[in-house]
Amino acid sequence: MSEKLVNLTTAAFDQAIAQGTWIVDFWATWCAPCRMQGKLIDDHLDELAAAGATVGKVNVDDEPELAARFGVMSIPTLLIFKGGEQVRSFVGVQTIETLKNALQ
């Protein structure tokens, strides 16, 4: 896994997102739209990194505490954090253009 894509756990979440800009993708292996979103993100990691973001992935089955903490009720849910603070949220599959625009 590259430094542009990080699997996040409950234990390491706050420390990881404390610095910089993050897109955090809440997903599950059994979720077809999540797999679509994941492929879009994987295919455009360099563009997202160039826009200043690190992508974090949270498997809601493995980390239900994080999903509950952020009120994730539907997946995929993408949250954008800047300096540890949540600034945007999206539910459902999003285009890369939408995500890049949200980073500005």
N, C-alpha and C. Protein backbone atom coordinates (compact mmCIF):
# COMPACT_ATOMS: atom_id res chain seq x y z
N MET A 1 0.85 -1.17 0.00
CA MET A 1 0.00 0.00 0.00
C MET A 1 0.89 1.23 0.00
N SER A 2 0.50 2.23 -0.77
CA SER A 2 1.34 3.42 -0.89
C SER A 2 1.10 4.37 0.26
N GLU A 3 1.97 5.36 0.39
CA GLU A 3 1.79 6.37 1.43
C GLU A 3 0.61 7.28 1.11
N LYS A 4 0.08 7.20 -0.11
CA LYS A 4 -1.08 7.98 -0.50
C LYS A 4 -2.39 7.33 -0.06
N LEU A 5 -2.34 6.06 0.33
CA LEU A 5 -3.54 5.31 0.74
C LEU A 5 -3.22 4.56 2.02
N VAL A 6 -3.99 4.85 3.08
CA VAL A 6 -3.69 4.32 4.40
C VAL A 6 -4.93 3.64 4.97
N ASN A 7 -4.78 2.40 5.42
CA ASN A 7 -5.86 1.74 6.15
C ASN A 7 -5.86 2.30 7.57
N LEU A 8 -7.00 2.85 7.97
CA LEU A 8 -7.10 3.48 9.28
C LEU A 8 -7.84 2.59 10.26
N THR A 9 -7.35 2.58 11.50
CA THR A 9 -7.99 1.83 12.58
C THR A 9 -8.44 2.82 13.65
N THR A 10 -9.31 2.36 14.51
CA THR A 10 -9.77 3.20 15.61
C THR A 10 -8.60 3.71 16.44
N ALA A 11 -7.65 2.83 16.72
CA ALA A 11 -6.52 3.18 17.58
C ALA A 11 -5.65 4.28 16.97
N ALA A 12 -5.50 4.31 15.65
CA ALA A 12 -4.57 5.24 15.01
C ALA A 12 -5.27 6.40 14.30
N PHE A 13 -6.58 6.43 14.32
CA PHE A 13 -7.33 7.39 13.50
C PHE A 13 -6.99 8.84 13.82
N ASP A 14 -7.19 9.25 15.07
CA ASP A 14 -7.01 10.66 15.42
C ASP A 14 -5.61 11.17 15.14
N GLN A 15 -4.62 10.36 15.46
CA GLN A 15 -3.24 10.77 15.21
C GLN A 15 -2.98 10.88 13.70
N ALA A 16 -3.53 9.96 12.92
CA ALA A 16 -3.29 9.97 11.47
C ALA A 16 -3.85 11.21 10.81
N ILE A 17 -5.09 11.57 11.15
CA ILE A 17 -5.73 12.68 10.44
C ILE A 17 -5.43 14.05 11.04
N ALA A 18 -4.64 14.09 12.10
CA ALA A 18 -4.37 15.35 12.79
C ALA A 18 -3.63 16.36 11.91
N GLN A 19 -2.85 15.88 10.98
CA GLN A 19 -2.06 16.75 10.12
C GLN A 19 -2.50 16.61 8.67
N GLY A 20 -2.56 17.71 7.98
CA GLY A 20 -2.84 17.69 6.55
C GLY A 20 -4.31 17.50 6.21
N THR A 21 -4.53 17.16 4.95
CA THR A 21 -5.88 16.97 4.41
C THR A 21 -6.07 15.50 4.09
N TRP A 22 -7.21 14.98 4.51
CA TRP A 22 -7.51 13.57 4.32
C TRP A 22 -8.88 13.39 3.70
N ILE A 23 -8.99 12.43 2.80
CA ILE A 23 -10.28 11.89 2.36
C ILE A 23 -10.37 10.52 3.01
N VAL A 24 -11.38 10.31 3.84
CA VAL A 24 -11.54 9.04 4.52
C VAL A 24 -12.76 8.33 3.94
N ASP A 25 -12.51 7.16 3.38
CA ASP A 25 -13.52 6.35 2.71
C ASP A 25 -13.98 5.25 3.66
N PHE A 26 -15.23 5.35 4.12
CA PHE A 26 -15.85 4.30 4.93
C PHE A 26 -16.50 3.32 3.98
N TRP A 27 -16.12 2.04 4.08
CA TRP A 27 -16.52 1.04 3.08
C TRP A 27 -16.63 -0.34 3.73
N ALA A 28 -17.06 -1.32 2.92
CA ALA A 28 -17.08 -2.73 3.34
C ALA A 28 -16.84 -3.59 2.11
N THR A 29 -16.28 -4.76 2.32
CA THR A 29 -15.94 -5.64 1.20
C THR A 29 -17.17 -6.12 0.44
N TRP A 30 -18.31 -6.26 1.12
CA TRP A 30 -19.52 -6.80 0.51
C TRP A 30 -20.33 -5.74 -0.23
N CYS A 31 -19.92 -4.50 -0.19
CA CYS A 31 -20.67 -3.37 -0.75
C CYS A 31 -20.21 -3.05 -2.17
N ALA A 32 -21.06 -3.34 -3.15
CA ALA A 32 -20.70 -3.10 -4.56
C ALA A 32 -20.41 -1.63 -4.84
N PRO A 33 -21.24 -0.67 -4.39
CA PRO A 33 -20.88 0.73 -4.62
C PRO A 33 -19.55 1.11 -3.97
N CYS A 34 -19.24 0.49 -2.84
CA CYS A 34 -17.94 0.76 -2.19
C CYS A 34 -16.79 0.31 -3.07
N ARG A 35 -16.96 -0.83 -3.71
CA ARG A 35 -15.91 -1.32 -4.61
C ARG A 35 -15.75 -0.38 -5.81
N MET A 36 -16.87 0.16 -6.31
CA MET A 36 -16.80 1.13 -7.41
C MET A 36 -16.04 2.38 -6.96
N GLN A 37 -16.41 2.89 -5.77
CA GLN A 37 -15.73 4.09 -5.26
C GLN A 37 -14.25 3.80 -5.02
N GLY A 38 -13.96 2.65 -4.47
CA GLY A 38 -12.57 2.28 -4.22
C GLY A 38 -11.74 2.24 -5.49
N LYS A 39 -12.31 1.69 -6.55
CA LYS A 39 -11.59 1.64 -7.83
C LYS A 39 -11.34 3.04 -8.36
N LEU A 40 -12.36 3.90 -8.29
CA LEU A 40 -12.17 5.29 -8.74
C LEU A 40 -11.04 5.96 -7.96
N ILE A 41 -11.05 5.78 -6.67
CA ILE A 41 -10.00 6.39 -5.84
C ILE A 41 -8.64 5.80 -6.18
N ASP A 42 -8.56 4.47 -6.26
CA ASP A 42 -7.29 3.83 -6.59
C ASP A 42 -6.74 4.32 -7.92
N ASP A 43 -7.62 4.47 -8.90
CA ASP A 43 -7.20 4.89 -10.24
C ASP A 43 -6.73 6.34 -10.28
N HIS A 44 -7.10 7.12 -9.26
CA HIS A 44 -6.79 8.55 -9.28
C HIS A 44 -6.03 9.01 -8.03
N LEU A 45 -5.33 8.08 -7.38
CA LEU A 45 -4.57 8.44 -6.18
C LEU A 45 -3.58 9.57 -6.43
N ASP A 46 -2.90 9.53 -7.58
CA ASP A 46 -1.91 10.57 -7.87
C ASP A 46 -2.56 11.94 -7.98
N GLU A 47 -3.75 12.00 -8.61
CA GLU A 47 -4.45 13.28 -8.74
C GLU A 47 -4.89 13.80 -7.38
N LEU A 48 -5.40 12.91 -6.54
CA LEU A 48 -5.83 13.33 -5.21
C LEU A 48 -4.65 13.79 -4.37
N ALA A 49 -3.52 13.09 -4.51
CA ALA A 49 -2.30 13.50 -3.80
C ALA A 49 -1.83 14.86 -4.31
N ALA A 50 -1.89 15.07 -5.62
CA ALA A 50 -1.49 16.35 -6.18
C ALA A 50 -2.39 17.48 -5.69
N ALA A 51 -3.65 17.15 -5.38
CA ALA A 51 -4.59 18.13 -4.84
C ALA A 51 -4.39 18.32 -3.33
N GLY A 52 -3.44 17.58 -2.76
CA GLY A 52 -3.08 17.79 -1.38
C GLY A 52 -3.66 16.81 -0.38
N ALA A 53 -4.29 15.73 -0.85
CA ALA A 53 -4.96 14.82 0.07
C ALA A 53 -4.26 13.48 0.20
N THR A 54 -4.35 12.94 1.40
CA THR A 54 -4.03 11.55 1.66
C THR A 54 -5.37 10.84 1.79
N VAL A 55 -5.46 9.62 1.26
CA VAL A 55 -6.71 8.86 1.33
C VAL A 55 -6.59 7.82 2.42
N GLY A 56 -7.56 7.81 3.31
CA GLY A 56 -7.66 6.80 4.34
C GLY A 56 -8.86 5.92 4.09
N LYS A 57 -8.72 4.64 4.37
CA LYS A 57 -9.81 3.68 4.20
C LYS A 57 -10.18 3.12 5.57
N VAL A 58 -11.49 3.08 5.85
CA VAL A 58 -11.99 2.50 7.09
C VAL A 58 -13.01 1.43 6.72
N ASN A 59 -12.67 0.18 7.00
CA ASN A 59 -13.59 -0.93 6.78
C ASN A 59 -14.57 -0.92 7.95
N VAL A 60 -15.85 -0.64 7.66
CA VAL A 60 -16.83 -0.48 8.74
C VAL A 60 -17.09 -1.79 9.49
N ASP A 61 -16.84 -2.92 8.85
CA ASP A 61 -17.00 -4.20 9.55
C ASP A 61 -15.89 -4.42 10.56
N ASP A 62 -14.69 -3.92 10.25
CA ASP A 62 -13.55 -4.07 11.15
C ASP A 62 -13.48 -2.96 12.20
N GLU A 63 -14.03 -1.80 11.88
CA GLU A 63 -13.92 -0.62 12.75
C GLU A 63 -15.30 0.01 12.99
N PRO A 64 -16.24 -0.75 13.58
CA PRO A 64 -17.59 -0.20 13.78
C PRO A 64 -17.62 1.02 14.71
N GLU A 65 -16.63 1.13 15.60
CA GLU A 65 -16.59 2.29 16.50
C GLU A 65 -16.40 3.58 15.73
N LEU A 66 -15.54 3.55 14.71
CA LEU A 66 -15.32 4.75 13.90
C LEU A 66 -16.57 5.10 13.09
N ALA A 67 -17.20 4.10 12.53
CA ALA A 67 -18.43 4.35 11.77
C ALA A 67 -19.48 4.99 12.67
N ALA A 68 -19.64 4.48 13.88
CA ALA A 68 -20.61 5.03 14.82
C ALA A 68 -20.23 6.45 15.24
N ARG A 69 -18.96 6.66 15.48
CA ARG A 69 -18.48 7.98 15.93
C ARG A 69 -18.83 9.07 14.93
N PHE A 70 -18.75 8.74 13.64
CA PHE A 70 -19.02 9.74 12.61
C PHE A 70 -20.42 9.62 12.01
N GLY A 71 -21.26 8.80 12.61
CA GLY A 71 -22.64 8.69 12.16
C GLY A 71 -22.81 8.08 10.79
N VAL A 72 -21.88 7.21 10.42
CA VAL A 72 -21.95 6.57 9.10
C VAL A 72 -23.08 5.55 9.12
N MET A 73 -24.13 5.81 8.34
CA MET A 73 -25.29 4.93 8.27
C MET A 73 -25.39 4.22 6.93
N SER A 74 -24.79 4.83 5.90
CA SER A 74 -24.79 4.25 4.56
C SER A 74 -23.37 4.29 4.03
N ILE A 75 -23.03 3.32 3.22
CA ILE A 75 -21.70 3.30 2.62
C ILE A 75 -21.82 3.15 1.12
N PRO A 76 -20.87 3.69 0.37
CA PRO A 76 -19.70 4.40 0.85
C PRO A 76 -20.05 5.79 1.40
N THR A 77 -19.36 6.17 2.44
CA THR A 77 -19.37 7.53 2.97
C THR A 77 -17.95 8.03 2.93
N LEU A 78 -17.77 9.24 2.40
CA LEU A 78 -16.45 9.85 2.34
C LEU A 78 -16.47 11.12 3.17
N LEU A 79 -15.52 11.23 4.08
CA LEU A 79 -15.38 12.41 4.92
C LEU A 79 -14.06 13.09 4.60
N ILE A 80 -14.10 14.40 4.54
CA ILE A 80 -12.87 15.17 4.30
C ILE A 80 -12.49 15.88 5.60
N PHE A 81 -11.24 15.69 6.00
CA PHE A 81 -10.69 16.29 7.21
C PHE A 81 -9.54 17.21 6.83
N LYS A 82 -9.48 18.35 7.48
CA LYS A 82 -8.34 19.26 7.34
C LYS A 82 -7.84 19.57 8.74
N GLY A 83 -6.60 19.23 9.00
CA GLY A 83 -6.02 19.47 10.31
C GLY A 83 -6.80 18.81 11.44
N GLY A 84 -7.34 17.63 11.17
CA GLY A 84 -8.06 16.88 12.18
C GLY A 84 -9.53 17.22 12.32
N GLU A 85 -10.01 18.24 11.61
CA GLU A 85 -11.40 18.66 11.69
C GLU A 85 -12.16 18.23 10.44
N GLN A 86 -13.35 17.64 10.64
CA GLN A 86 -14.17 17.26 9.50
C GLN A 86 -14.75 18.51 8.85
N VAL A 87 -14.56 18.62 7.52
CA VAL A 87 -15.05 19.81 6.82
C VAL A 87 -16.11 19.49 5.77
N ARG A 88 -16.17 18.27 5.30
CA ARG A 88 -17.17 17.88 4.29
C ARG A 88 -17.51 16.41 4.46
N SER A 89 -18.69 16.04 3.96
CA SER A 89 -19.08 14.63 3.94
C SER A 89 -19.89 14.35 2.69
N PHE A 90 -19.76 13.14 2.19
CA PHE A 90 -20.47 12.68 1.01
C PHE A 90 -20.94 11.26 1.25
N VAL A 91 -22.16 10.96 0.82
CA VAL A 91 -22.70 9.61 0.90
C VAL A 91 -22.98 9.14 -0.51
N GLY A 92 -22.55 7.92 -0.82
CA GLY A 92 -22.71 7.38 -2.16
C GLY A 92 -21.46 7.58 -2.99
N VAL A 93 -21.45 6.99 -4.16
CA VAL A 93 -20.29 7.06 -5.05
C VAL A 93 -20.12 8.48 -5.56
N GLN A 94 -18.91 9.01 -5.43
CA GLN A 94 -18.59 10.37 -5.86
C GLN A 94 -17.56 10.34 -6.98
N THR A 95 -17.64 11.32 -7.87
CA THR A 95 -16.64 11.43 -8.93
C THR A 95 -15.34 11.99 -8.35
N ILE A 96 -14.27 11.75 -9.04
CA ILE A 96 -12.98 12.30 -8.62
C ILE A 96 -13.03 13.83 -8.69
N GLU A 97 -13.72 14.37 -9.67
CA GLU A 97 -13.84 15.83 -9.80
C GLU A 97 -14.53 16.41 -8.57
N THR A 98 -15.59 15.76 -8.10
CA THR A 98 -16.29 16.22 -6.88
C THR A 98 -15.35 16.23 -5.70
N LEU A 99 -14.56 15.17 -5.56
CA LEU A 99 -13.64 15.09 -4.44
C LEU A 99 -12.54 16.14 -4.55
N LYS A 100 -11.98 16.32 -5.72
CA LYS A 100 -10.92 17.32 -5.90
C LYS A 100 -11.46 18.73 -5.62
N ASN A 101 -12.68 19.01 -6.09
CA ASN A 101 -13.27 20.33 -5.82
C ASN A 101 -13.50 20.54 -4.33
N ALA A 102 -13.88 19.49 -3.61
CA ALA A 102 -14.13 19.60 -2.18
C ALA A 102 -12.83 19.85 -1.40
N LEU A 103 -11.70 19.52 -1.99
CA LEU A 103 -10.42 19.73 -1.31
C LEU A 103 -9.98 21.19 -1.33
N GLN A 104 -10.56 21.96 -2.20
CA GLN A 104 -10.14 23.38 -2.34
C GLN A 104 -10.76 24.26 -1.29
